[in-house]
Amino acid sequence: MSRVCELTGKRSLVGNNVSHANNKTKRVFLPNLVTKVLRIEGLKRSLSVRLSTHALRTLDKVGGLDAYLKKASPSVLSDRFKTLRAELLKAESPQS
């Protein structure tokens, strides 16, 4: 399983450990990822996703996954969330 946030795309970064003697050795900064089960109210279904804690705070601020998907541009979203966004907008559009 890759260490990438499914919503924001955050991934690991590379840097240096710097000792007191100014010796430098490579190290990896890993994102703080958690696995959560999120509910999409508009589609009446749940899905398990691997998100950064920053993405969880963003979802809380915006008002949930439904509101985030409606507001976000499709170019920013992953393929999985693009399809969910399309399903959500289709389900909420007025039927004629």
PDB file of N, CA and C in Angstrom:
ATOM      1  N   MET A   1       0.846  -1.172   0.000  1.00  0.00           N
ATOM      2  CA  MET A   1       0.000   0.000   0.000  1.00  0.00           C
ATOM      3  C   MET A   1       0.895   1.240   0.000  1.00  0.00           C
ATOM      4  N   SER A   2       0.664   2.130  -0.930  1.00  0.00           N
ATOM      5  CA  SER A   2       1.510   3.313  -1.026  1.00  0.00           C
ATOM      6  C   SER A   2       1.154   4.324   0.048  1.00  0.00           C
ATOM      7  N   ARG A   3       2.112   5.134   0.409  1.00  0.00           N
ATOM      8  CA  ARG A   3       1.907   6.135   1.455  1.00  0.00           C
ATOM      9  C   ARG A   3       1.520   7.464   0.823  1.00  0.00           C
ATOM     10  N   VAL A   4       0.306   7.495   0.266  1.00  0.00           N
ATOM     11  CA  VAL A   4      -0.210   8.682  -0.396  1.00  0.00           C
ATOM     12  C   VAL A   4      -1.633   8.923   0.090  1.00  0.00           C
ATOM     13  N   CYS A   5      -1.946  10.165   0.420  1.00  0.00           N
ATOM     14  CA  CYS A   5      -3.303  10.520   0.806  1.00  0.00           C
ATOM     15  C   CYS A   5      -4.184  10.466  -0.434  1.00  0.00           C
ATOM     16  N   GLU A   6      -5.321   9.769  -0.349  1.00  0.00           N
ATOM     17  CA  GLU A   6      -6.190   9.613  -1.513  1.00  0.00           C
ATOM     18  C   GLU A   6      -6.922  10.893  -1.886  1.00  0.00           C
ATOM     19  N   LEU A   7      -7.057  11.814  -0.934  1.00  0.00           N
ATOM     20  CA  LEU A   7      -7.819  13.032  -1.199  1.00  0.00           C
ATOM     21  C   LEU A   7      -6.925  14.197  -1.610  1.00  0.00           C
ATOM     22  N   THR A   8      -5.860  14.426  -0.873  1.00  0.00           N
ATOM     23  CA  THR A   8      -5.005  15.590  -1.143  1.00  0.00           C
ATOM     24  C   THR A   8      -3.769  15.253  -1.966  1.00  0.00           C
ATOM     25  N   GLY A   9      -3.383  13.975  -2.025  1.00  0.00           N
ATOM     26  CA  GLY A   9      -2.203  13.591  -2.787  1.00  0.00           C
ATOM     27  C   GLY A   9      -0.898  13.784  -2.026  1.00  0.00           C
ATOM     28  N   LYS A  10      -0.966  14.056  -0.717  1.00  0.00           N
ATOM     29  CA  LYS A  10       0.263  14.195   0.068  1.00  0.00           C
ATOM     30  C   LYS A  10       1.028  12.887   0.018  1.00  0.00           C
ATOM     31  N   ARG A  11       2.351  12.979  -0.135  1.00  0.00           N
ATOM     32  CA  ARG A  11       3.196  11.796  -0.187  1.00  0.00           C
ATOM     33  C   ARG A  11       4.464  12.041   0.604  1.00  0.00           C
ATOM     34  N   SER A  12       5.337  11.039   0.679  1.00  0.00           N
ATOM     35  CA  SER A  12       6.549  11.168   1.476  1.00  0.00           C
ATOM     36  C   SER A  12       7.526  12.149   0.828  1.00  0.00           C
ATOM     37  N   LEU A  13       8.308  12.811   1.687  1.00  0.00           N
ATOM     38  CA  LEU A  13       9.331  13.759   1.252  1.00  0.00           C
ATOM     39  C   LEU A  13      10.694  13.256   1.702  1.00  0.00           C
ATOM     40  N   VAL A  14      11.743  13.663   0.996  1.00  0.00           N
ATOM     41  CA  VAL A  14      13.103  13.249   1.323  1.00  0.00           C
ATOM     42  C   VAL A  14      13.869  14.458   1.821  1.00  0.00           C
ATOM     43  N   GLY A  15      14.667  14.227   2.873  1.00  0.00           N
ATOM     44  CA  GLY A  15      15.478  15.307   3.430  1.00  0.00           C
ATOM     45  C   GLY A  15      16.719  14.741   4.082  1.00  0.00           C
ATOM     46  N   ASN A  16      17.325  15.524   4.950  1.00  0.00           N
ATOM     47  CA  ASN A  16      18.549  15.121   5.624  1.00  0.00           C
ATOM     48  C   ASN A  16      18.391  15.167   7.128  1.00  0.00           C
ATOM     49  N   ASN A  17      18.996  14.174   7.814  1.00  0.00           N
ATOM     50  CA  ASN A  17      19.251  14.278   9.239  1.00  0.00           C
ATOM     51  C   ASN A  17      20.556  15.047   9.349  1.00  0.00           C
ATOM     52  N   VAL A  18      20.612  16.062  10.180  1.00  0.00           N
ATOM     53  CA  VAL A  18      21.829  16.848  10.347  1.00  0.00           C
ATOM     54  C   VAL A  18      22.274  16.709  11.793  1.00  0.00           C
ATOM     55  N   SER A  19      23.465  16.144  11.989  1.00  0.00           N
ATOM     56  CA  SER A  19      23.988  15.940  13.333  1.00  0.00           C
ATOM     57  C   SER A  19      24.613  17.219  13.869  1.00  0.00           C
ATOM     58  N   HIS A  20      25.011  17.184  15.126  1.00  0.00           N
ATOM     59  CA  HIS A  20      25.668  18.339  15.751  1.00  0.00           C
ATOM     60  C   HIS A  20      26.978  18.665  15.027  1.00  0.00           C
ATOM     61  N   ALA A  21      27.628  17.636  14.485  1.00  0.00           N
ATOM     62  CA  ALA A  21      28.877  17.826  13.740  1.00  0.00           C
ATOM     63  C   ALA A  21      28.613  18.170  12.280  1.00  0.00           C
ATOM     64  N   ASN A  22      27.357  18.451  11.945  1.00  0.00           N
ATOM     65  CA  ASN A  22      26.930  18.828  10.599  1.00  0.00           C
ATOM     66  C   ASN A  22      27.092  17.701   9.579  1.00  0.00           C
ATOM     67  N   ASN A  23      27.063  16.444  10.044  1.00  0.00           N
ATOM     68  CA  ASN A  23      27.030  15.306   9.126  1.00  0.00           C
ATOM     69  C   ASN A  23      25.606  15.153   8.623  1.00  0.00           C
ATOM     70  N   LYS A  24      25.474  14.863   7.347  1.00  0.00           N
ATOM     71  CA  LYS A  24      24.149  14.755   6.751  1.00  0.00           C
ATOM     72  C   LYS A  24      23.913  13.334   6.253  1.00  0.00           C
ATOM     73  N   THR A  25      22.777  12.760   6.638  1.00  0.00           N
ATOM     74  CA  THR A  25      22.364  11.451   6.151  1.00  0.00           C
ATOM     75  C   THR A  25      20.927  11.562   5.670  1.00  0.00           C
ATOM     76  N   LYS A  26      20.612  10.824   4.619  1.00  0.00           N
ATOM     77  CA  LYS A  26      19.273  10.891   4.028  1.00  0.00           C
ATOM     78  C   LYS A  26      18.240  10.315   4.983  1.00  0.00           C
ATOM     79  N   ARG A  27      17.039  10.876   4.943  1.00  0.00           N
ATOM     80  CA  ARG A  27      15.913  10.367   5.705  1.00  0.00           C
ATOM     81  C   ARG A  27      14.630  10.637   4.941  1.00  0.00           C
ATOM     82  N   VAL A  28      13.553   9.996   5.363  1.00  0.00           N
ATOM     83  CA  VAL A  28      12.267  10.138   4.703  1.00  0.00           C
ATOM     84  C   VAL A  28      11.262  10.701   5.710  1.00  0.00           C
ATOM     85  N   PHE A  29      10.535  11.729   5.294  1.00  0.00           N
ATOM     86  CA  PHE A  29       9.442  12.286   6.086  1.00  0.00           C
ATOM     87  C   PHE A  29       8.149  11.668   5.567  1.00  0.00           C
ATOM     88  N   LEU A  30       7.474  10.885   6.403  1.00  0.00           N
ATOM     89  CA  LEU A  30       6.243  10.211   5.986  1.00  0.00           C
ATOM     90  C   LEU A  30       5.021  11.036   6.386  1.00  0.00           C
ATOM     91  N   PRO A  31       3.977  11.058   5.545  1.00  0.00           N
ATOM     92  CA  PRO A  31       2.756  11.770   5.914  1.00  0.00           C
ATOM     93  C   PRO A  31       2.010  11.009   7.004  1.00  0.00           C
ATOM     94  N   ASN A  32       1.240  11.739   7.799  1.00  0.00           N
ATOM     95  CA  ASN A  32       0.450  11.136   8.866  1.00  0.00           C
ATOM     96  C   ASN A  32      -0.856  10.620   8.268  1.00  0.00           C
ATOM     97  N   LEU A  33      -0.863   9.345   7.871  1.00  0.00           N
ATOM     98  CA  LEU A  33      -2.028   8.754   7.207  1.00  0.00           C
ATOM     99  C   LEU A  33      -2.826   7.895   8.173  1.00  0.00           C
ATOM    100  N   VAL A  34      -4.147   7.953   8.045  1.00  0.00           N
ATOM    101  CA  VAL A  34      -5.049   7.123   8.826  1.00  0.00           C
ATOM    102  C   VAL A  34      -6.074   6.505   7.876  1.00  0.00           C
ATOM    103  N   THR A  35      -6.538   5.316   8.214  1.00  0.00           N
ATOM    104  CA  THR A  35      -7.587   4.669   7.434  1.00  0.00           C
ATOM    105  C   THR A  35      -8.915   4.964   8.108  1.00  0.00           C
ATOM    106  N   LYS A  36      -9.847   5.538   7.361  1.00  0.00           N
ATOM    107  CA  LYS A  36     -11.145   5.913   7.902  1.00  0.00           C
ATOM    108  C   LYS A  36     -12.245   5.377   6.997  1.00  0.00           C
ATOM    109  N   VAL A  37     -13.381   5.125   7.593  1.00  0.00           N
ATOM    110  CA  VAL A  37     -14.581   4.784   6.835  1.00  0.00           C
ATOM    111  C   VAL A  37     -15.436   6.038   6.800  1.00  0.00           C
ATOM    112  N   LEU A  38     -15.654   6.582   5.601  1.00  0.00           N
ATOM    113  CA  LEU A  38     -16.428   7.808   5.434  1.00  0.00           C
ATOM    114  C   LEU A  38     -17.765   7.483   4.796  1.00  0.00           C
ATOM    115  N   ARG A  39     -18.766   8.242   5.166  1.00  0.00           N
ATOM    116  CA  ARG A  39     -20.127   8.045   4.666  1.00  0.00           C
ATOM    117  C   ARG A  39     -20.436   9.115   3.634  1.00  0.00           C
ATOM    118  N   ILE A  40     -20.950   8.701   2.479  1.00  0.00           N
ATOM    119  CA  ILE A  40     -21.433   9.635   1.468  1.00  0.00           C
ATOM    120  C   ILE A  40     -22.951   9.620   1.576  1.00  0.00           C
ATOM    121  N   GLU A  41     -23.491  10.661   2.185  1.00  0.00           N
ATOM    122  CA  GLU A  41     -24.932  10.709   2.459  1.00  0.00           C
ATOM    123  C   GLU A  41     -25.756  10.762   1.177  1.00  0.00           C
ATOM    124  N   GLY A  42     -25.279  11.484   0.165  1.00  0.00           N
ATOM    125  CA  GLY A  42     -26.024  11.622  -1.079  1.00  0.00           C
ATOM    126  C   GLY A  42     -26.198  10.310  -1.830  1.00  0.00           C
ATOM    127  N   LEU A  43     -25.233   9.391  -1.662  1.00  0.00           N
ATOM    128  CA  LEU A  43     -25.303   8.095  -2.341  1.00  0.00           C
ATOM    129  C   LEU A  43     -25.711   6.974  -1.396  1.00  0.00           C
ATOM    130  N   LYS A  44     -25.844   7.299  -0.111  1.00  0.00           N
ATOM    131  CA  LYS A  44     -26.211   6.319   0.920  1.00  0.00           C
ATOM    132  C   LYS A  44     -25.270   5.117   0.901  1.00  0.00           C
ATOM    133  N   ARG A  45     -23.969   5.395   0.939  1.00  0.00           N
ATOM    134  CA  ARG A  45     -22.977   4.329   1.003  1.00  0.00           C
ATOM    135  C   ARG A  45     -21.740   4.800   1.738  1.00  0.00           C
ATOM    136  N   SER A  46     -20.940   3.848   2.167  1.00  0.00           N
ATOM    137  CA  SER A  46     -19.707   4.132   2.896  1.00  0.00           C
ATOM    138  C   SER A  46     -18.530   3.617   2.094  1.00  0.00           C
ATOM    139  N   LEU A  47     -17.362   4.202   2.341  1.00  0.00           N
ATOM    140  CA  LEU A  47     -16.159   3.702   1.715  1.00  0.00           C
ATOM    141  C   LEU A  47     -14.988   3.890   2.648  1.00  0.00           C
ATOM    142  N   SER A  48     -14.042   2.985   2.568  1.00  0.00           N
ATOM    143  CA  SER A  48     -12.839   3.034   3.378  1.00  0.00           C
ATOM    144  C   SER A  48     -11.747   3.727   2.567  1.00  0.00           C
ATOM    145  N   VAL A  49     -11.163   4.770   3.150  1.00  0.00           N
ATOM    146  CA  VAL A  49     -10.134   5.540   2.454  1.00  0.00           C
ATOM    147  C   VAL A  49      -8.941   5.755   3.369  1.00  0.00           C
ATOM    148  N   ARG A  50      -7.792   5.992   2.776  1.00  0.00           N
ATOM    149  CA  ARG A  50      -6.571   6.281   3.508  1.00  0.00           C
ATOM    150  C   ARG A  50      -6.264   7.761   3.310  1.00  0.00           C
ATOM    151  N   LEU A  51      -6.443   8.550   4.384  1.00  0.00           N
ATOM    152  CA  LEU A  51      -6.330  10.000   4.308  1.00  0.00           C
ATOM    153  C   LEU A  51      -5.279  10.522   5.263  1.00  0.00           C
ATOM    154  N   SER A  52      -4.747  11.695   4.946  1.00  0.00           N
ATOM    155  CA  SER A  52      -3.889  12.389   5.895  1.00  0.00           C
ATOM    156  C   SER A  52      -4.777  13.065   6.927  1.00  0.00           C
ATOM    157  N   THR A  53      -4.218  13.341   8.086  1.00  0.00           N
ATOM    158  CA  THR A  53      -4.992  14.016   9.120  1.00  0.00           C
ATOM    159  C   THR A  53      -5.338  15.435   8.679  1.00  0.00           C
ATOM    160  N   HIS A  54      -4.520  16.034   7.837  1.00  0.00           N
ATOM    161  CA  HIS A  54      -4.819  17.347   7.271  1.00  0.00           C
ATOM    162  C   HIS A  54      -6.088  17.282   6.420  1.00  0.00           C
ATOM    163  N   ALA A  55      -6.244  16.216   5.647  1.00  0.00           N
ATOM    164  CA  ALA A  55      -7.441  16.053   4.816  1.00  0.00           C
ATOM    165  C   ALA A  55      -8.683  15.868   5.682  1.00  0.00           C
ATOM    166  N   LEU A  56      -8.547  15.146   6.802  1.00  0.00           N
ATOM    167  CA  LEU A  56      -9.681  14.975   7.709  1.00  0.00           C
ATOM    168  C   LEU A  56     -10.128  16.314   8.287  1.00  0.00           C
ATOM    169  N   ARG A  57      -9.180  17.166   8.647  1.00  0.00           N
ATOM    170  CA  ARG A  57      -9.514  18.490   9.166  1.00  0.00           C
ATOM    171  C   ARG A  57     -10.197  19.327   8.091  1.00  0.00           C
ATOM    172  N   THR A  58      -9.758  19.177   6.851  1.00  0.00           N
ATOM    173  CA  THR A  58     -10.378  19.899   5.743  1.00  0.00           C
ATOM    174  C   THR A  58     -11.819  19.443   5.546  1.00  0.00           C
ATOM    175  N   LEU A  59     -12.047  18.129   5.626  1.00  0.00           N
ATOM    176  CA  LEU A  59     -13.408  17.602   5.488  1.00  0.00           C
ATOM    177  C   LEU A  59     -14.314  18.135   6.598  1.00  0.00           C
ATOM    178  N   ASP A  60     -13.800  18.219   7.821  1.00  0.00           N
ATOM    179  CA  ASP A  60     -14.580  18.771   8.927  1.00  0.00           C
ATOM    180  C   ASP A  60     -14.918  20.234   8.685  1.00  0.00           C
ATOM    181  N   LYS A  61     -13.958  20.974   8.176  1.00  0.00           N
ATOM    182  CA  LYS A  61     -14.150  22.405   7.956  1.00  0.00           C
ATOM    183  C   LYS A  61     -15.188  22.662   6.855  1.00  0.00           C
ATOM    184  N   VAL A  62     -15.113  21.897   5.770  1.00  0.00           N
ATOM    185  CA  VAL A  62     -15.998  22.111   4.628  1.00  0.00           C
ATOM    186  C   VAL A  62     -17.411  21.612   4.917  1.00  0.00           C
ATOM    187  N   GLY A  63     -17.535  20.579   5.744  1.00  0.00           N
ATOM    188  CA  GLY A  63     -18.867  20.077   6.068  1.00  0.00           C
ATOM    189  C   GLY A  63     -19.098  18.648   5.643  1.00  0.00           C
ATOM    190  N   GLY A  64     -18.058  17.883   5.452  1.00  0.00           N
ATOM    191  CA  GLY A  64     -18.198  16.472   5.116  1.00  0.00           C
ATOM    192  C   GLY A  64     -17.731  16.166   3.697  1.00  0.00           C
ATOM    193  N   LEU A  65     -17.738  14.879   3.392  1.00  0.00           N
ATOM    194  CA  LEU A  65     -17.241  14.416   2.094  1.00  0.00           C
ATOM    195  C   LEU A  65     -18.143  14.872   0.951  1.00  0.00           C
ATOM    196  N   ASP A  66     -19.455  14.903   1.172  1.00  0.00           N
ATOM    197  CA  ASP A  66     -20.381  15.348   0.122  1.00  0.00           C
ATOM    198  C   ASP A  66     -20.078  16.787  -0.297  1.00  0.00           C
ATOM    199  N   ALA A  67     -19.953  17.657   0.681  1.00  0.00           N
ATOM    200  CA  ALA A  67     -19.698  19.069   0.397  1.00  0.00           C
ATOM    201  C   ALA A  67     -18.338  19.256  -0.266  1.00  0.00           C
ATOM    202  N   TYR A  68     -17.346  18.478   0.172  1.00  0.00           N
ATOM    203  CA  TYR A  68     -16.008  18.592  -0.418  1.00  0.00           C
ATOM    204  C   TYR A  68     -16.026  18.166  -1.885  1.00  0.00           C
ATOM    205  N   LEU A  69     -16.696  17.062  -2.185  1.00  0.00           N
ATOM    206  CA  LEU A  69     -16.731  16.571  -3.563  1.00  0.00           C
ATOM    207  C   LEU A  69     -17.470  17.531  -4.487  1.00  0.00           C
ATOM    208  N   LYS A  70     -18.543  18.158  -3.982  1.00  0.00           N
ATOM    209  CA  LYS A  70     -19.273  19.126  -4.806  1.00  0.00           C
ATOM    210  C   LYS A  70     -18.426  20.357  -5.100  1.00  0.00           C
ATOM    211  N   LYS A  71     -17.639  20.773  -4.102  1.00  0.00           N
ATOM    212  CA  LYS A  71     -16.865  22.005  -4.217  1.00  0.00           C
ATOM    213  C   LYS A  71     -15.560  21.819  -5.005  1.00  0.00           C
ATOM    214  N   ALA A  72     -14.945  20.645  -4.916  1.00  0.00           N
ATOM    215  CA  ALA A  72     -13.620  20.416  -5.498  1.00  0.00           C
ATOM    216  C   ALA A  72     -13.670  20.324  -7.021  1.00  0.00           C
ATOM    217  N   SER A  73     -12.587  20.760  -7.637  1.00  0.00           N
ATOM    218  CA  SER A  73     -12.443  20.649  -9.086  1.00  0.00           C
ATOM    219  C   SER A  73     -12.074  19.207  -9.449  1.00  0.00           C
ATOM    220  N   PRO A  74     -12.621  18.655 -10.526  1.00  0.00           N
ATOM    221  CA  PRO A  74     -12.286  17.278 -10.901  1.00  0.00           C
ATOM    222  C   PRO A  74     -10.804  17.079 -11.202  1.00  0.00           C
ATOM    223  N   SER A  75     -10.092  18.108 -11.614  1.00  0.00           N
ATOM    224  CA  SER A  75      -8.668  17.963 -11.937  1.00  0.00           C
ATOM    225  C   SER A  75      -7.835  17.687 -10.689  1.00  0.00           C
ATOM    226  N   VAL A  76      -8.325  18.062  -9.518  1.00  0.00           N
ATOM    227  CA  VAL A  76      -7.594  17.864  -8.267  1.00  0.00           C
ATOM    228  C   VAL A  76      -7.845  16.467  -7.700  1.00  0.00           C
ATOM    229  N   LEU A  77      -8.989  15.876  -7.999  1.00  0.00           N
ATOM    230  CA  LEU A  77      -9.395  14.612  -7.395  1.00  0.00           C
ATOM    231  C   LEU A  77      -8.745  13.408  -8.067  1.00  0.00           C
ATOM    232  N   SER A  78      -8.628  12.318  -7.299  1.00  0.00           N
ATOM    233  CA  SER A  78      -8.138  11.062  -7.857  1.00  0.00           C
ATOM    234  C   SER A  78      -9.249  10.428  -8.693  1.00  0.00           C
ATOM    235  N   ASP A  79      -8.923   9.394  -9.442  1.00  0.00           N
ATOM    236  CA  ASP A  79      -9.905   8.739 -10.316  1.00  0.00           C
ATOM    237  C   ASP A  79     -11.080   8.191  -9.510  1.00  0.00           C
ATOM    238  N   ARG A  80     -10.782   7.620  -8.355  1.00  0.00           N
ATOM    239  CA  ARG A  80     -11.838   7.051  -7.506  1.00  0.00           C
ATOM    240  C   ARG A  80     -12.825   8.130  -7.063  1.00  0.00           C
ATOM    241  N   PHE A  81     -12.308   9.290  -6.662  1.00  0.00           N
ATOM    242  CA  PHE A  81     -13.176  10.363  -6.195  1.00  0.00           C
ATOM    243  C   PHE A  81     -13.849  11.102  -7.350  1.00  0.00           C
ATOM    244  N   LYS A  82     -13.252  11.078  -8.540  1.00  0.00           N
ATOM    245  CA  LYS A  82     -13.911  11.671  -9.711  1.00  0.00           C
ATOM    246  C   LYS A  82     -15.200  10.932 -10.035  1.00  0.00           C
ATOM    247  N   THR A  83     -15.148   9.593  -9.998  1.00  0.00           N
ATOM    248  CA  THR A  83     -16.345   8.820 -10.288  1.00  0.00           C
ATOM    249  C   THR A  83     -17.404   9.020  -9.203  1.00  0.00           C
ATOM    250  N   LEU A  84     -16.966   9.090  -7.951  1.00  0.00           N
ATOM    251  CA  LEU A  84     -17.912   9.337  -6.859  1.00  0.00           C
ATOM    252  C   LEU A  84     -18.550  10.714  -6.992  1.00  0.00           C
ATOM    253  N   ARG A  85     -17.777  11.700  -7.403  1.00  0.00           N
ATOM    254  CA  ARG A  85     -18.300  13.059  -7.585  1.00  0.00           C
ATOM    255  C   ARG A  85     -19.359  13.070  -8.688  1.00  0.00           C
ATOM    256  N   ALA A  86     -19.064  12.385  -9.788  1.00  0.00           N
ATOM    257  CA  ALA A  86     -20.023  12.332 -10.898  1.00  0.00           C
ATOM    258  C   ALA A  86     -21.317  11.638 -10.466  1.00  0.00           C
ATOM    259  N   GLU A  87     -21.210  10.538  -9.723  1.00  0.00           N
ATOM    260  CA  GLU A  87     -22.397   9.839  -9.229  1.00  0.00           C
ATOM    261  C   GLU A  87     -23.198  10.729  -8.288  1.00  0.00           C
ATOM    262  N   LEU A  88     -22.508  11.460  -7.427  1.00  0.00           N
ATOM    263  CA  LEU A  88     -23.167  12.327  -6.445  1.00  0.00           C
ATOM    264  C   LEU A  88     -23.914  13.464  -7.141  1.00  0.00           C
ATOM    265  N   LEU A  89     -23.270  14.098  -8.120  1.00  0.00           N
ATOM    266  CA  LEU A  89     -23.926  15.194  -8.838  1.00  0.00           C
ATOM    267  C   LEU A  89     -25.106  14.682  -9.662  1.00  0.00           C
ATOM    268  N   LYS A  90     -24.975  13.488 -10.218  1.00  0.00           N
ATOM    269  CA  LYS A  90     -26.066  12.905 -11.002  1.00  0.00           C
ATOM    270  C   LYS A  90     -27.251  12.567 -10.102  1.00  0.00           C
ATOM    271  N   ALA A  91     -26.975  12.043  -8.916  1.00  0.00           N
ATOM    272  CA  ALA A  91     -28.040  11.667  -7.977  1.00  0.00           C
ATOM    273  C   ALA A  91     -28.781  12.898  -7.448  1.00  0.00           C
ATOM    274  N   GLU A  92     -28.070  14.017  -7.319  1.00  0.00           N
ATOM    275  CA  GLU A  92     -28.695  15.213  -6.756  1.00  0.00           C
ATOM    276  C   GLU A  92     -29.278  16.154  -7.798  1.00  0.00           C
ATOM    277  N   SER A  93     -29.049  15.899  -9.069  1.00  0.00           N
ATOM    278  CA  SER A  93     -29.619  16.758 -10.093  1.00  0.00           C
ATOM    279  C   SER A  93     -31.128  16.518 -10.192  1.00  0.00           C
ATOM    280  N   PRO A  94     -31.895  17.553 -10.500  1.00  0.00           N
ATOM    281  CA  PRO A  94     -33.355  17.371 -10.582  1.00  0.00           C
ATOM    282  C   PRO A  94     -33.719  16.461 -11.751  1.00  0.00           C
ATOM    283  N   GLN A  95     -34.568  15.502 -11.470  1.00  0.00           N
ATOM    284  CA  GLN A  95     -35.006  14.556 -12.494  1.00  0.00           C
ATOM    285  C   GLN A  95     -36.156  15.172 -13.280  1.00  0.00           C
ATOM    286  N   SER A  96     -36.090  15.122 -14.635  1.00  0.00           N
ATOM    287  CA  SER A  96     -37.193  15.664 -15.429  1.00  0.00           C
ATOM    288  C   SER A  96     -37.946  14.577 -16.151  1.00  0.00           C
TER     289      SER A  96
END
